[in-house]
């Protein structure tokens, strides 16, 4: 199985760093990071990652809007939403918009890797 390329999207740098460490430790290649949805769409276009971890609530362009834009670029995109506790409605909206799965903060390494390996 080849190494999967990941784009990490989150406005919190410590979360991006945390995810990057977890993913790289488990054999994923983090090929890009974005701090908001607008940057995420640009990076998706440039990098064509296998999987995107997408924070839902971000400044400028939120995760669900970015997800919809990425779906327009690549209808088969694999986007996993990352949300805070109590964002069930937003998670539902994201799944309706085409997200493949979701991870709830605070997340454990085990949970993150399990969700990514399901893809």
C-alpha atoms as a PDB file:
ATOM      1  CA  UNK A   1       0.000   0.000   0.000  1.00  0.00           C
ATOM      2  CA  UNK A   2       1.443   3.354  -0.991  1.00  0.00           C
ATOM      3  CA  UNK A   3       1.786   6.238   1.422  1.00  0.00           C
ATOM      4  CA  UNK A   4      -1.245   8.510   1.494  1.00  0.00           C
ATOM      5  CA  UNK A   5      -0.724  12.241   0.995  1.00  0.00           C
ATOM      6  CA  UNK A   6      -2.575  14.459   3.443  1.00  0.00           C
ATOM      7  CA  UNK A   7      -3.525  18.132   3.482  1.00  0.00           C
ATOM      8  CA  UNK A   8      -4.223  19.408   7.020  1.00  0.00           C
ATOM      9  CA  UNK A   9      -6.607  22.352   7.316  1.00  0.00           C
ATOM     10  CA  UNK A  10      -7.055  24.082  10.678  1.00  0.00           C
ATOM     11  CA  UNK A  11      -6.742  27.674  11.865  1.00  0.00           C
ATOM     12  CA  UNK A  12      -4.968  26.535  15.062  1.00  0.00           C
ATOM     13  CA  UNK A  13      -1.303  25.878  14.423  1.00  0.00           C
ATOM     14  CA  UNK A  14      -0.971  23.550  17.432  1.00  0.00           C
ATOM     15  CA  UNK A  15      -3.750  21.341  16.055  1.00  0.00           C
ATOM     16  CA  UNK A  16      -2.047  21.188  12.652  1.00  0.00           C
ATOM     17  CA  UNK A  17       1.224  20.294  14.343  1.00  0.00           C
ATOM     18  CA  UNK A  18      -0.472  17.689  16.530  1.00  0.00           C
ATOM     19  CA  UNK A  19      -2.156  16.039  13.539  1.00  0.00           C
ATOM     20  CA  UNK A  20       1.028  16.161  11.472  1.00  0.00           C
ATOM     21  CA  UNK A  21       2.995  14.344  14.194  1.00  0.00           C
ATOM     22  CA  UNK A  22       0.279  11.678  14.599  1.00  0.00           C
ATOM     23  CA  UNK A  23      -0.067  11.122  10.868  1.00  0.00           C
ATOM     24  CA  UNK A  24       3.622  11.003  10.022  1.00  0.00           C
ATOM     25  CA  UNK A  25       4.238   8.597  12.880  1.00  0.00           C
ATOM     26  CA  UNK A  26       1.653   6.300  11.296  1.00  0.00           C
ATOM     27  CA  UNK A  27       3.024   6.342   7.767  1.00  0.00           C
ATOM     28  CA  UNK A  28       1.049   9.179   6.180  1.00  0.00           C
ATOM     29  CA  UNK A  29       2.796  11.991   4.293  1.00  0.00           C
ATOM     30  CA  UNK A  30       1.652  15.501   5.223  1.00  0.00           C
ATOM     31  CA  UNK A  31       2.200  17.408   1.960  1.00  0.00           C
ATOM     32  CA  UNK A  32       0.527  20.660   2.914  1.00  0.00           C
ATOM     33  CA  UNK A  33      -1.191  22.737   5.571  1.00  0.00           C
ATOM     34  CA  UNK A  34      -3.783  25.499   5.362  1.00  0.00           C
ATOM     35  CA  UNK A  35      -5.053  27.911   8.018  1.00  0.00           C
ATOM     36  CA  UNK A  36      -8.437  28.598   6.441  1.00  0.00           C
ATOM     37  CA  UNK A  37     -10.806  27.327   3.780  1.00  0.00           C
ATOM     38  CA  UNK A  38      -9.639  29.719   1.076  1.00  0.00           C
ATOM     39  CA  UNK A  39      -6.033  28.539   1.388  1.00  0.00           C
ATOM     40  CA  UNK A  40      -7.302  24.926   1.582  1.00  0.00           C
ATOM     41  CA  UNK A  41      -8.982  25.158  -1.823  1.00  0.00           C
ATOM     42  CA  UNK A  42      -5.835  26.650  -3.401  1.00  0.00           C
ATOM     43  CA  UNK A  43      -3.603  23.991  -1.829  1.00  0.00           C
ATOM     44  CA  UNK A  44      -5.978  21.225  -2.938  1.00  0.00           C
ATOM     45  CA  UNK A  45      -5.724  22.507  -6.494  1.00  0.00           C
ATOM     46  CA  UNK A  46      -1.910  22.647  -6.328  1.00  0.00           C
ATOM     47  CA  UNK A  47      -1.208  19.452  -4.411  1.00  0.00           C
ATOM     48  CA  UNK A  48      -4.066  17.001  -5.186  1.00  0.00           C
ATOM     49  CA  UNK A  49      -3.828  15.281  -1.786  1.00  0.00           C
ATOM     50  CA  UNK A  50      -5.344  11.827  -1.222  1.00  0.00           C
ATOM     51  CA  UNK A  51      -7.074  12.971   1.969  1.00  0.00           C
ATOM     52  CA  UNK A  52      -7.904  16.319   3.574  1.00  0.00           C
ATOM     53  CA  UNK A  53      -8.534  16.811   7.286  1.00  0.00           C
ATOM     54  CA  UNK A  54     -10.766  19.883   7.389  1.00  0.00           C
ATOM     55  CA  UNK A  55     -11.584  21.923  10.475  1.00  0.00           C
ATOM     56  CA  UNK A  56     -15.222  23.074  10.360  1.00  0.00           C
ATOM     57  CA  UNK A  57     -15.021  26.466  12.076  1.00  0.00           C
ATOM     58  CA  UNK A  58     -12.343  28.750  10.663  1.00  0.00           C
ATOM     59  CA  UNK A  59     -12.069  32.464   9.894  1.00  0.00           C
ATOM     60  CA  UNK A  60     -12.581  33.809   6.341  1.00  0.00           C
ATOM     61  CA  UNK A  61     -13.805  30.623   4.694  1.00  0.00           C
ATOM     62  CA  UNK A  62     -15.223  27.849   6.889  1.00  0.00           C
ATOM     63  CA  UNK A  63     -14.678  24.135   6.370  1.00  0.00           C
ATOM     64  CA  UNK A  64     -18.069  23.313   4.854  1.00  0.00           C
ATOM     65  CA  UNK A  65     -17.748  26.068   2.237  1.00  0.00           C
ATOM     66  CA  UNK A  66     -14.219  24.866   1.433  1.00  0.00           C
ATOM     67  CA  UNK A  67     -15.461  21.268   1.188  1.00  0.00           C
ATOM     68  CA  UNK A  68     -18.102  22.301  -1.382  1.00  0.00           C
ATOM     69  CA  UNK A  69     -15.474  24.154  -3.439  1.00  0.00           C
ATOM     70  CA  UNK A  70     -13.108  21.169  -3.318  1.00  0.00           C
ATOM     71  CA  UNK A  71     -15.956  18.878  -4.449  1.00  0.00           C
ATOM     72  CA  UNK A  72     -16.284  21.118  -7.527  1.00  0.00           C
ATOM     73  CA  UNK A  73     -12.583  20.580  -8.303  1.00  0.00           C
ATOM     74  CA  UNK A  74     -12.679  16.837  -7.576  1.00  0.00           C
ATOM     75  CA  UNK A  75     -15.998  15.098  -6.989  1.00  0.00           C
ATOM     76  CA  UNK A  76     -14.175  12.055  -5.561  1.00  0.00           C
ATOM     77  CA  UNK A  77     -12.240  14.025  -2.949  1.00  0.00           C
ATOM     78  CA  UNK A  78     -11.774  12.425   0.443  1.00  0.00           C
ATOM     79  CA  UNK A  79     -12.385  15.060   3.090  1.00  0.00           C
ATOM     80  CA  UNK A  80     -12.623  14.287   6.805  1.00  0.00           C
ATOM     81  CA  UNK A  81     -14.160  17.003   8.947  1.00  0.00           C
ATOM     82  CA  UNK A  82     -12.639  17.932  12.285  1.00  0.00           C
ATOM     83  CA  UNK A  83     -15.090  19.506  14.694  1.00  0.00           C
ATOM     84  CA  UNK A  84     -15.434  20.575  18.270  1.00  0.00           C
ATOM     85  CA  UNK A  85     -17.859  18.914  20.665  1.00  0.00           C
ATOM     86  CA  UNK A  86     -21.475  19.936  20.167  1.00  0.00           C
ATOM     87  CA  UNK A  87     -21.220  20.641  16.428  1.00  0.00           C
ATOM     88  CA  UNK A  88     -23.497  17.778  15.386  1.00  0.00           C
ATOM     89  CA  UNK A  89     -25.573  19.964  13.087  1.00  0.00           C
ATOM     90  CA  UNK A  90     -22.462  21.202  11.288  1.00  0.00           C
ATOM     91  CA  UNK A  91     -21.179  17.634  10.988  1.00  0.00           C
ATOM     92  CA  UNK A  92     -24.510  16.594   9.445  1.00  0.00           C
ATOM     93  CA  UNK A  93     -24.290  19.494   6.991  1.00  0.00           C
ATOM     94  CA  UNK A  94     -20.732  18.474   6.111  1.00  0.00           C
ATOM     95  CA  UNK A  95     -21.687  14.841   5.490  1.00  0.00           C
ATOM     96  CA  UNK A  96     -24.573  16.038   3.296  1.00  0.00           C
ATOM     97  CA  UNK A  97     -22.086  18.215   1.414  1.00  0.00           C
ATOM     98  CA  UNK A  98     -19.850  15.214   0.756  1.00  0.00           C
ATOM     99  CA  UNK A  99     -17.476  14.769   3.687  1.00  0.00           C
ATOM    100  CA  UNK A 100     -16.443  11.116   4.060  1.00  0.00           C
ATOM    101  CA  UNK A 101     -16.178  11.051   7.842  1.00  0.00           C
ATOM    102  CA  UNK A 102     -15.442  13.208  10.855  1.00  0.00           C
ATOM    103  CA  UNK A 103     -13.202  13.451  13.894  1.00  0.00           C
ATOM    104  CA  UNK A 104     -14.281  15.266  17.067  1.00  0.00           C
ATOM    105  CA  UNK A 105     -11.813  17.356  19.108  1.00  0.00           C
ATOM    106  CA  UNK A 106     -10.203  16.578  21.436  1.00  0.00           C
ATOM    107  CA  UNK A 107      -9.142  13.577  19.369  1.00  0.00           C
ATOM    108  CA  UNK A 108      -6.875  10.649  20.144  1.00  0.00           C
ATOM    109  CA  UNK A 109      -4.239   9.323  17.775  1.00  0.00           C
ATOM    110  CA  UNK A 110      -6.037   5.985  17.675  1.00  0.00           C
ATOM    111  CA  UNK A 111      -9.308   7.589  16.540  1.00  0.00           C
ATOM    112  CA  UNK A 112      -7.636   9.744  13.869  1.00  0.00           C
ATOM    113  CA  UNK A 113      -5.704   6.827  12.372  1.00  0.00           C
ATOM    114  CA  UNK A 114      -8.772   4.572  12.447  1.00  0.00           C
ATOM    115  CA  UNK A 115     -10.837   7.099  10.495  1.00  0.00           C
ATOM    116  CA  UNK A 116      -8.078   7.699   7.939  1.00  0.00           C
ATOM    117  CA  UNK A 117      -7.415   4.009   7.455  1.00  0.00           C
ATOM    118  CA  UNK A 118     -11.116   3.421   6.688  1.00  0.00           C
ATOM    119  CA  UNK A 119     -10.669   5.438   3.499  1.00  0.00           C
END
